[in-house]
Amino acid sequence: VKGEEVVEINIPAGVAEGMVVNVPGKGNAGQRNGVSGDIQV
């Protein structure tokens, strides 16, 4: 179902414009207890 979650994202020192930090398992939940997607920052 649609909902909200507060997600903490740790960004390492030294990153630069255009880089992408991937946070696994914090994206949309998979249907019927499937695998959650990721968040790309």
PDB file of all heavy atoms in Angstrom:
ATOM      1  N   VAL A   1       0.860  -1.177   0.000  1.00  0.00           N
ATOM      2  CA  VAL A   1       0.000   0.000   0.000  1.00  0.00           C
ATOM      3  C   VAL A   1       0.906   1.239   0.000  1.00  0.00           C
ATOM      4  O   VAL A   1       2.108   1.155   0.259  1.00  0.00           O
ATOM      5  CB  VAL A   1      -0.922   0.042   1.249  1.00  0.00           C
ATOM      6  CG1 VAL A   1      -1.923  -1.093   1.215  1.00  0.00           C
ATOM      7  CG2 VAL A   1      -0.087  -0.007   2.529  1.00  0.00           C
ATOM      8  N   LYS A   2       0.340   2.387  -0.298  1.00  0.00           N
ATOM      9  CA  LYS A   2       1.100   3.628  -0.272  1.00  0.00           C
ATOM     10  C   LYS A   2       1.321   4.079   1.171  1.00  0.00           C
ATOM     11  O   LYS A   2       0.421   4.020   2.003  1.00  0.00           O
ATOM     12  CB  LYS A   2       0.368   4.736  -1.038  1.00  0.00           C
ATOM     13  CG  LYS A   2       0.317   4.521  -2.544  1.00  0.00           C
ATOM     14  CD  LYS A   2       1.713   4.558  -3.159  1.00  0.00           C
ATOM     15  CE  LYS A   2       1.655   4.376  -4.670  1.00  0.00           C
ATOM     16  NZ  LYS A   2       3.023   4.322  -5.256  1.00  0.00           N
ATOM     17  N   GLY A   3       2.523   4.510   1.448  1.00  0.00           N
ATOM     18  CA  GLY A   3       2.843   4.966   2.783  1.00  0.00           C
ATOM     19  C   GLY A   3       4.080   5.844   2.782  1.00  0.00           C
ATOM     20  O   GLY A   3       4.586   6.229   1.723  1.00  0.00           O
ATOM     21  N   GLU A   4       4.578   6.159   3.965  1.00  0.00           N
ATOM     22  CA  GLU A   4       5.765   6.999   4.106  1.00  0.00           C
ATOM     23  C   GLU A   4       6.766   6.324   5.041  1.00  0.00           C
ATOM     24  O   GLU A   4       6.388   5.583   5.946  1.00  0.00           O
ATOM     25  CB  GLU A   4       5.408   8.385   4.659  1.00  0.00           C
ATOM     26  CG  GLU A   4       4.639   9.261   3.687  1.00  0.00           C
ATOM     27  CD  GLU A   4       4.363  10.646   4.261  1.00  0.00           C
ATOM     28  OE1 GLU A   4       4.452  10.805   5.492  1.00  0.00           O
ATOM     29  OE2 GLU A   4       4.068  11.564   3.475  1.00  0.00           O
ATOM     30  N   GLU A   5       8.035   6.607   4.792  1.00  0.00           N
ATOM     31  CA  GLU A   5       9.093   6.087   5.656  1.00  0.00           C
ATOM     32  C   GLU A   5      10.210   7.126   5.725  1.00  0.00           C
ATOM     33  O   GLU A   5      10.551   7.748   4.710  1.00  0.00           O
ATOM     34  CB  GLU A   5       9.658   4.774   5.113  1.00  0.00           C
ATOM     35  CG  GLU A   5      10.756   4.188   5.993  1.00  0.00           C
ATOM     36  CD  GLU A   5      11.355   2.921   5.413  1.00  0.00           C
ATOM     37  OE1 GLU A   5      10.843   2.442   4.379  1.00  0.00           O
ATOM     38  OE2 GLU A   5      12.341   2.431   5.985  1.00  0.00           O
ATOM     39  N   VAL A   6      10.762   7.318   6.910  1.00  0.00           N
ATOM     40  CA  VAL A   6      11.913   8.196   7.070  1.00  0.00           C
ATOM     41  C   VAL A   6      13.171   7.360   6.831  1.00  0.00           C
ATOM     42  O   VAL A   6      13.408   6.373   7.528  1.00  0.00           O
ATOM     43  CB  VAL A   6      11.954   8.846   8.466  1.00  0.00           C
ATOM     44  CG1 VAL A   6      13.210   9.679   8.626  1.00  0.00           C
ATOM     45  CG2 VAL A   6      10.711   9.713   8.678  1.00  0.00           C
ATOM     46  N   VAL A   7      13.943   7.760   5.846  1.00  0.00           N
ATOM     47  CA  VAL A   7      15.121   6.998   5.439  1.00  0.00           C
ATOM     48  C   VAL A   7      16.380   7.804   5.749  1.00  0.00           C
ATOM     49  O   VAL A   7      16.473   8.982   5.402  1.00  0.00           O
ATOM     50  CB  VAL A   7      15.071   6.670   3.929  1.00  0.00           C
ATOM     51  CG1 VAL A   7      16.321   5.907   3.510  1.00  0.00           C
ATOM     52  CG2 VAL A   7      13.823   5.864   3.612  1.00  0.00           C
ATOM     53  N   GLU A   8      17.336   7.173   6.423  1.00  0.00           N
ATOM     54  CA  GLU A   8      18.637   7.784   6.683  1.00  0.00           C
ATOM     55  C   GLU A   8      19.620   7.350   5.606  1.00  0.00           C
ATOM     56  O   GLU A   8      19.761   6.158   5.332  1.00  0.00           O
ATOM     57  CB  GLU A   8      19.173   7.373   8.058  1.00  0.00           C
ATOM     58  CG  GLU A   8      18.657   8.206   9.203  1.00  0.00           C
ATOM     59  CD  GLU A   8      19.464   8.009  10.481  1.00  0.00           C
ATOM     60  OE1 GLU A   8      20.462   7.261  10.440  1.00  0.00           O
ATOM     61  OE2 GLU A   8      19.086   8.592  11.504  1.00  0.00           O
ATOM     62  N   ILE A   9      20.298   8.322   5.009  1.00  0.00           N
ATOM     63  CA  ILE A   9      21.244   8.025   3.940  1.00  0.00           C
ATOM     64  C   ILE A   9      22.608   8.577   4.312  1.00  0.00           C
ATOM     65  O   ILE A   9      22.750   9.776   4.569  1.00  0.00           O
ATOM     66  CB  ILE A   9      20.765   8.625   2.596  1.00  0.00           C
ATOM     67  CG1 ILE A   9      19.428   7.983   2.200  1.00  0.00           C
ATOM     68  CG2 ILE A   9      21.809   8.412   1.509  1.00  0.00           C
ATOM     69  CD1 ILE A   9      18.806   8.572   0.960  1.00  0.00           C
ATOM     70  N   ASN A  10      23.589   7.703   4.376  1.00  0.00           N
ATOM     71  CA  ASN A  10      24.962   8.099   4.699  1.00  0.00           C
ATOM     72  C   ASN A  10      25.712   8.416   3.410  1.00  0.00           C
ATOM     73  O   ASN A  10      25.900   7.534   2.570  1.00  0.00           O
ATOM     74  CB  ASN A  10      25.679   6.981   5.460  1.00  0.00           C
ATOM     75  CG  ASN A  10      25.030   6.688   6.797  1.00  0.00           C
ATOM     76  OD1 ASN A  10      24.607   7.598   7.491  1.00  0.00           O
ATOM     77  ND2 ASN A  10      24.928   5.420   7.147  1.00  0.00           N
ATOM     78  N   ILE A  11      26.137   9.659   3.273  1.00  0.00           N
ATOM     79  CA  ILE A  11      26.858  10.090   2.080  1.00  0.00           C
ATOM     80  C   ILE A  11      28.327  10.249   2.440  1.00  0.00           C
ATOM     81  O   ILE A  11      28.669  11.032   3.328  1.00  0.00           O
ATOM     82  CB  ILE A  11      26.279  11.406   1.538  1.00  0.00           C
ATOM     83  CG1 ILE A  11      24.790  11.205   1.188  1.00  0.00           C
ATOM     84  CG2 ILE A  11      27.058  11.879   0.311  1.00  0.00           C
ATOM     85  CD1 ILE A  11      24.070  12.460   0.801  1.00  0.00           C
ATOM     86  N   PRO A  12      29.220   9.519   1.776  1.00  0.00           N
ATOM     87  CA  PRO A  12      30.639   9.566   2.145  1.00  0.00           C
ATOM     88  C   PRO A  12      31.279  10.895   1.776  1.00  0.00           C
ATOM     89  O   PRO A  12      30.795  11.620   0.892  1.00  0.00           O
ATOM     90  CB  PRO A  12      31.253   8.422   1.333  1.00  0.00           C
ATOM     91  CG  PRO A  12      30.345   8.271   0.162  1.00  0.00           C
ATOM     92  CD  PRO A  12      28.970   8.599   0.667  1.00  0.00           C
ATOM     93  N   ALA A  13      32.371  11.216   2.443  1.00  0.00           N
ATOM     94  CA  ALA A  13      33.114  12.437   2.135  1.00  0.00           C
ATOM     95  C   ALA A  13      33.737  12.336   0.749  1.00  0.00           C
ATOM     96  O   ALA A  13      34.096  11.256   0.298  1.00  0.00           O
ATOM     97  CB  ALA A  13      34.206  12.654   3.180  1.00  0.00           C
ATOM     98  N   GLY A  14      33.851  13.492   0.086  1.00  0.00           N
ATOM     99  CA  GLY A  14      34.553  13.557  -1.187  1.00  0.00           C
ATOM    100  C   GLY A  14      33.711  13.341  -2.421  1.00  0.00           C
ATOM    101  O   GLY A  14      34.241  13.352  -3.534  1.00  0.00           O
ATOM    102  N   VAL A  15      32.390  13.130  -2.265  1.00  0.00           N
ATOM    103  CA  VAL A  15      31.560  12.932  -3.450  1.00  0.00           C
ATOM    104  C   VAL A  15      31.533  14.203  -4.291  1.00  0.00           C
ATOM    105  O   VAL A  15      31.900  15.286  -3.836  1.00  0.00           O
ATOM    106  CB  VAL A  15      30.119  12.533  -3.059  1.00  0.00           C
ATOM    107  CG1 VAL A  15      30.095  11.190  -2.387  1.00  0.00           C
ATOM    108  CG2 VAL A  15      29.480  13.599  -2.161  1.00  0.00           C
ATOM    109  N   ALA A  16      31.100  14.056  -5.542  1.00  0.00           N
ATOM    110  CA  ALA A  16      31.102  15.196  -6.456  1.00  0.00           C
ATOM    111  C   ALA A  16      29.783  15.270  -7.212  1.00  0.00           C
ATOM    112  O   ALA A  16      29.001  14.305  -7.241  1.00  0.00           O
ATOM    113  CB  ALA A  16      32.266  15.085  -7.444  1.00  0.00           C
ATOM    114  N   GLU A  17      29.537  16.411  -7.805  1.00  0.00           N
ATOM    115  CA  GLU A  17      28.344  16.638  -8.619  1.00  0.00           C
ATOM    116  C   GLU A  17      28.203  15.531  -9.660  1.00  0.00           C
ATOM    117  O   GLU A  17      29.134  15.188 -10.367  1.00  0.00           O
ATOM    118  CB  GLU A  17      28.457  17.994  -9.328  1.00  0.00           C
ATOM    119  CG  GLU A  17      27.298  18.321 -10.245  1.00  0.00           C
ATOM    120  CD  GLU A  17      26.278  19.260  -9.622  1.00  0.00           C
ATOM    121  OE1 GLU A  17      26.598  19.897  -8.608  1.00  0.00           O
ATOM    122  OE2 GLU A  17      25.170  19.364 -10.165  1.00  0.00           O
ATOM    123  N   GLY A  18      26.999  14.956  -9.738  1.00  0.00           N
ATOM    124  CA  GLY A  18      26.729  13.926 -10.736  1.00  0.00           C
ATOM    125  C   GLY A  18      26.920  12.507 -10.248  1.00  0.00           C
ATOM    126  O   GLY A  18      26.471  11.566 -10.905  1.00  0.00           O
ATOM    127  N   MET A  19      27.586  12.318  -9.108  1.00  0.00           N
ATOM    128  CA  MET A  19      27.749  10.973  -8.572  1.00  0.00           C
ATOM    129  C   MET A  19      26.420  10.453  -8.026  1.00  0.00           C
ATOM    130  O   MET A  19      25.528  11.231  -7.674  1.00  0.00           O
ATOM    131  CB  MET A  19      28.804  10.951  -7.463  1.00  0.00           C
ATOM    132  CG  MET A  19      30.222  11.065  -7.948  1.00  0.00           C
ATOM    133  SD  MET A  19      31.418  10.899  -6.587  1.00  0.00           S
ATOM    134  CE  MET A  19      32.963  10.962  -7.495  1.00  0.00           C
ATOM    135  N   VAL A  20      26.304   9.139  -7.962  1.00  0.00           N
ATOM    136  CA  VAL A  20      25.090   8.500  -7.465  1.00  0.00           C
ATOM    137  C   VAL A  20      25.455   7.575  -6.312  1.00  0.00           C
ATOM    138  O   VAL A  20      26.330   6.716  -6.446  1.00  0.00           O
ATOM    139  CB  VAL A  20      24.384   7.692  -8.576  1.00  0.00           C
ATOM    140  CG1 VAL A  20      23.109   7.046  -8.026  1.00  0.00           C
ATOM    141  CG2 VAL A  20      24.060   8.576  -9.766  1.00  0.00           C
ATOM    142  N   VAL A  21      24.798   7.760  -5.177  1.00  0.00           N
ATOM    143  CA  VAL A  21      24.966   6.875  -4.020  1.00  0.00           C
ATOM    144  C   VAL A  21      23.758   5.957  -3.968  1.00  0.00           C
ATOM    145  O   VAL A  21      22.615   6.417  -3.911  1.00  0.00           O
ATOM    146  CB  VAL A  21      25.089   7.680  -2.712  1.00  0.00           C
ATOM    147  CG1 VAL A  21      25.157   6.750  -1.514  1.00  0.00           C
ATOM    148  CG2 VAL A  21      26.322   8.579  -2.750  1.00  0.00           C
ATOM    149  N   ASN A  22      24.012   4.656  -4.010  1.00  0.00           N
ATOM    150  CA  ASN A  22      22.929   3.685  -4.020  1.00  0.00           C
ATOM    151  C   ASN A  22      22.654   3.184  -2.606  1.00  0.00           C
ATOM    152  O   ASN A  22      23.573   2.797  -1.883  1.00  0.00           O
ATOM    153  CB  ASN A  22      23.289   2.504  -4.925  1.00  0.00           C
ATOM    154  CG  ASN A  22      22.089   1.618  -5.194  1.00  0.00           C
ATOM    155  OD1 ASN A  22      21.098   2.055  -5.756  1.00  0.00           O
ATOM    156  ND2 ASN A  22      22.179   0.362  -4.790  1.00  0.00           N
ATOM    157  N   VAL A  23      21.376   3.198  -2.216  1.00  0.00           N
ATOM    158  CA  VAL A  23      20.973   2.708  -0.892  1.00  0.00           C
ATOM    159  C   VAL A  23      20.088   1.484  -1.108  1.00  0.00           C
ATOM    160  O   VAL A  23      18.914   1.608  -1.461  1.00  0.00           O
ATOM    161  CB  VAL A  23      20.206   3.798  -0.110  1.00  0.00           C
ATOM    162  CG1 VAL A  23      19.910   3.322   1.299  1.00  0.00           C
ATOM    163  CG2 VAL A  23      20.991   5.096  -0.084  1.00  0.00           C
ATOM    164  N   PRO A  24      20.641   0.282  -0.938  1.00  0.00           N
ATOM    165  CA  PRO A  24      19.882  -0.932  -1.248  1.00  0.00           C
ATOM    166  C   PRO A  24      18.748  -1.192  -0.267  1.00  0.00           C
ATOM    167  O   PRO A  24      18.860  -0.937   0.934  1.00  0.00           O
ATOM    168  CB  PRO A  24      20.958  -2.039  -1.164  1.00  0.00           C
ATOM    169  CG  PRO A  24      22.008  -1.481  -0.266  1.00  0.00           C
ATOM    170  CD  PRO A  24      22.017  -0.006  -0.489  1.00  0.00           C
ATOM    171  N   GLY A  25      17.640  -1.711  -0.810  1.00  0.00           N
ATOM    172  CA  GLY A  25      16.542  -2.170   0.030  1.00  0.00           C
ATOM    173  C   GLY A  25      15.655  -1.094   0.620  1.00  0.00           C
ATOM    174  O   GLY A  25      14.783  -1.396   1.432  1.00  0.00           O
ATOM    175  N   LYS A  26      15.832   0.168   0.207  1.00  0.00           N
ATOM    176  CA  LYS A  26      15.022   1.245   0.764  1.00  0.00           C
ATOM    177  C   LYS A  26      14.052   1.836  -0.264  1.00  0.00           C
ATOM    178  O   LYS A  26      13.419   2.852  -0.002  1.00  0.00           O
ATOM    179  CB  LYS A  26      15.928   2.355   1.302  1.00  0.00           C
ATOM    180  CG  LYS A  26      16.768   1.936   2.509  1.00  0.00           C
ATOM    181  CD  LYS A  26      15.894   1.576   3.698  1.00  0.00           C
ATOM    182  CE  LYS A  26      16.728   1.242   4.922  1.00  0.00           C
ATOM    183  NZ  LYS A  26      15.868   0.912   6.086  1.00  0.00           N
ATOM    184  N   GLY A  27      13.918   1.193  -1.409  1.00  0.00           N
ATOM    185  CA  GLY A  27      12.971   1.663  -2.410  1.00  0.00           C
ATOM    186  C   GLY A  27      11.584   1.097  -2.164  1.00  0.00           C
ATOM    187  O   GLY A  27      11.229   0.727  -1.040  1.00  0.00           O
ATOM    188  N   ASN A  28      10.774   1.005  -3.226  1.00  0.00           N
ATOM    189  CA  ASN A  28       9.421   0.477  -3.098  1.00  0.00           C
ATOM    190  C   ASN A  28       9.449  -0.997  -2.700  1.00  0.00           C
ATOM    191  O   ASN A  28      10.281  -1.781  -3.174  1.00  0.00           O
ATOM    192  CB  ASN A  28       8.669   0.621  -4.420  1.00  0.00           C
ATOM    193  CG  ASN A  28       8.220   2.055  -4.669  1.00  0.00           C
ATOM    194  OD1 ASN A  28       7.720   2.720  -3.771  1.00  0.00           O
ATOM    195  ND2 ASN A  28       8.417   2.538  -5.885  1.00  0.00           N
ATOM    196  N   ALA A  29       8.546  -1.378  -1.806  1.00  0.00           N
ATOM    197  CA  ALA A  29       8.443  -2.773  -1.375  1.00  0.00           C
ATOM    198  C   ALA A  29       7.968  -3.635  -2.533  1.00  0.00           C
ATOM    199  O   ALA A  29       7.160  -3.205  -3.368  1.00  0.00           O
ATOM    200  CB  ALA A  29       7.491  -2.893  -0.192  1.00  0.00           C
ATOM    201  N   GLY A  30       8.462  -4.862  -2.613  1.00  0.00           N
ATOM    202  CA  GLY A  30       8.012  -5.790  -3.642  1.00  0.00           C
ATOM    203  C   GLY A  30       6.655  -6.372  -3.300  1.00  0.00           C
ATOM    204  O   GLY A  30       6.330  -6.572  -2.124  1.00  0.00           O
ATOM    205  N   GLN A  31       5.858  -6.643  -4.308  1.00  0.00           N
ATOM    206  CA  GLN A  31       4.528  -7.193  -4.068  1.00  0.00           C
ATOM    207  C   GLN A  31       4.614  -8.574  -3.424  1.00  0.00           C
ATOM    208  O   GLN A  31       5.524  -9.350  -3.694  1.00  0.00           O
ATOM    209  CB  GLN A  31       3.755  -7.290  -5.388  1.00  0.00           C
ATOM    210  CG  GLN A  31       3.401  -5.946  -5.984  1.00  0.00           C
ATOM    211  CD  GLN A  31       2.483  -6.067  -7.188  1.00  0.00           C
ATOM    212  OE1 GLN A  31       2.029  -7.150  -7.541  1.00  0.00           O
ATOM    213  NE2 GLN A  31       2.203  -4.935  -7.819  1.00  0.00           N
ATOM    214  N   ARG A  32       3.667  -8.835  -2.560  1.00  0.00           N
ATOM    215  CA  ARG A  32       3.516 -10.122  -1.872  1.00  0.00           C
ATOM    216  C   ARG A  32       4.843 -10.598  -1.269  1.00  0.00           C
ATOM    217  O   ARG A  32       5.346 -11.669  -1.572  1.00  0.00           O
ATOM    218  CB  ARG A  32       2.923 -11.173  -2.827  1.00  0.00           C
ATOM    219  CG  ARG A  32       1.463 -10.863  -3.172  1.00  0.00           C
ATOM    220  CD  ARG A  32       0.842 -11.917  -4.040  1.00  0.00           C
ATOM    221  NE  ARG A  32       1.291 -11.837  -5.417  1.00  0.00           N
ATOM    222  CZ  ARG A  32       0.831 -10.972  -6.324  1.00  0.00           C
ATOM    223  NH1 ARG A  32      -0.094 -10.086  -5.967  1.00  0.00           N
ATOM    224  NH2 ARG A  32       1.272 -10.984  -7.558  1.00  0.00           N
ATOM    225  N   ASN A  33       5.376  -9.732  -0.381  1.00  0.00           N
ATOM    226  CA  ASN A  33       6.612 -10.014   0.360  1.00  0.00           C
ATOM    227  C   ASN A  33       7.797 -10.273  -0.553  1.00  0.00           C
ATOM    228  O   ASN A  33       8.665 -11.111  -0.278  1.00  0.00           O
ATOM    229  CB  ASN A  33       6.412 -11.206   1.315  1.00  0.00           C
ATOM    230  CG  ASN A  33       5.512 -10.859   2.486  1.00  0.00           C
ATOM    231  OD1 ASN A  33       5.576  -9.757   3.027  1.00  0.00           O
ATOM    232  ND2 ASN A  33       4.644 -11.790   2.867  1.00  0.00           N
ATOM    233  N   GLY A  34       7.849  -9.520  -1.626  1.00  0.00           N
ATOM    234  CA  GLY A  34       8.976  -9.610  -2.542  1.00  0.00           C
ATOM    235  C   GLY A  34      10.162  -8.783  -2.050  1.00  0.00           C
ATOM    236  O   GLY A  34      10.201  -8.340  -0.894  1.00  0.00           O
ATOM    237  N   VAL A  35      11.116  -8.577  -2.923  1.00  0.00           N
ATOM    238  CA  VAL A  35      12.342  -7.852  -2.587  1.00  0.00           C
ATOM    239  C   VAL A  35      12.134  -6.356  -2.809  1.00  0.00           C
ATOM    240  O   VAL A  35      11.605  -5.941  -3.847  1.00  0.00           O
ATOM    241  CB  VAL A  35      13.516  -8.342  -3.457  1.00  0.00           C
ATOM    242  CG1 VAL A  35      14.792  -7.584  -3.131  1.00  0.00           C
ATOM    243  CG2 VAL A  35      13.726  -9.836  -3.263  1.00  0.00           C
ATOM    244  N   SER A  36      12.541  -5.557  -1.840  1.00  0.00           N
ATOM    245  CA  SER A  36      12.417  -4.104  -1.976  1.00  0.00           C
ATOM    246  C   SER A  36      13.437  -3.566  -2.971  1.00  0.00           C
ATOM    247  O   SER A  36      14.550  -4.094  -3.096  1.00  0.00           O
ATOM    248  CB  SER A  36      12.613  -3.411  -0.626  1.00  0.00           C
ATOM    249  OG  SER A  36      11.588  -3.759   0.269  1.00  0.00           O
ATOM    250  N   GLY A  37      13.075  -2.509  -3.677  1.00  0.00           N
ATOM    251  CA  GLY A  37      13.993  -1.859  -4.593  1.00  0.00           C
ATOM    252  C   GLY A  37      15.004  -0.996  -3.845  1.00  0.00           C
ATOM    253  O   GLY A  37      15.089  -1.028  -2.611  1.00  0.00           O
ATOM    254  N   ASP A  38      15.768  -0.225  -4.573  1.00  0.00           N
ATOM    255  CA  ASP A  38      16.805   0.626  -3.996  1.00  0.00           C
ATOM    256  C   ASP A  38      16.419   2.094  -4.108  1.00  0.00           C
ATOM    257  O   ASP A  38      15.473   2.452  -4.810  1.00  0.00           O
ATOM    258  CB  ASP A  38      18.142   0.413  -4.710  1.00  0.00           C
ATOM    259  CG  ASP A  38      18.619  -1.033  -4.654  1.00  0.00           C
ATOM    260  OD1 ASP A  38      18.154  -1.757  -3.745  1.00  0.00           O
ATOM    261  OD2 ASP A  38      19.427  -1.423  -5.507  1.00  0.00           O
ATOM    262  N   ILE A  39      17.156   2.936  -3.406  1.00  0.00           N
ATOM    263  CA  ILE A  39      17.060   4.386  -3.585  1.00  0.00           C
ATOM    264  C   ILE A  39      18.373   4.860  -4.184  1.00  0.00           C
ATOM    265  O   ILE A  39      19.451   4.562  -3.660  1.00  0.00           O
ATOM    266  CB  ILE A  39      16.788   5.121  -2.257  1.00  0.00           C
ATOM    267  CG1 ILE A  39      15.397   4.771  -1.723  1.00  0.00           C
ATOM    268  CG2 ILE A  39      16.903   6.629  -2.456  1.00  0.00           C
ATOM    269  CD1 ILE A  39      15.033   5.492  -0.434  1.00  0.00           C
ATOM    270  N   GLN A  40      18.273   5.569  -5.286  1.00  0.00           N
ATOM    271  CA  GLN A  40      19.452   6.140  -5.930  1.00  0.00           C
ATOM    272  C   GLN A  40      19.476   7.638  -5.628  1.00  0.00           C
ATOM    273  O   GLN A  40      18.554   8.370  -5.989  1.00  0.00           O
ATOM    274  CB  GLN A  40      19.417   5.893  -7.437  1.00  0.00           C
ATOM    275  CG  GLN A  40      19.448   4.412  -7.789  1.00  0.00           C
ATOM    276  CD  GLN A  40      19.190   4.149  -9.249  1.00  0.00           C
ATOM    277  OE1 GLN A  40      18.779   5.021  -9.994  1.00  0.00           O
ATOM    278  NE2 GLN A  40      19.428   2.916  -9.675  1.00  0.00           N
ATOM    279  N   VAL A  41      20.541   8.057  -4.963  1.00  0.00           N
ATOM    280  CA  VAL A  41      20.662   9.447  -4.531  1.00  0.00           C
ATOM    281  C   VAL A  41      21.639  10.174  -5.464  1.00  0.00           C
ATOM    282  O   VAL A  41      22.824   9.838  -5.521  1.00  0.00           O
ATOM    283  CB  VAL A  41      21.164   9.532  -3.076  1.00  0.00           C
ATOM    284  CG1 VAL A  41      21.198  10.982  -2.623  1.00  0.00           C
ATOM    285  CG2 VAL A  41      20.272   8.706  -2.161  1.00  0.00           C
TER     286      VAL A  41
END
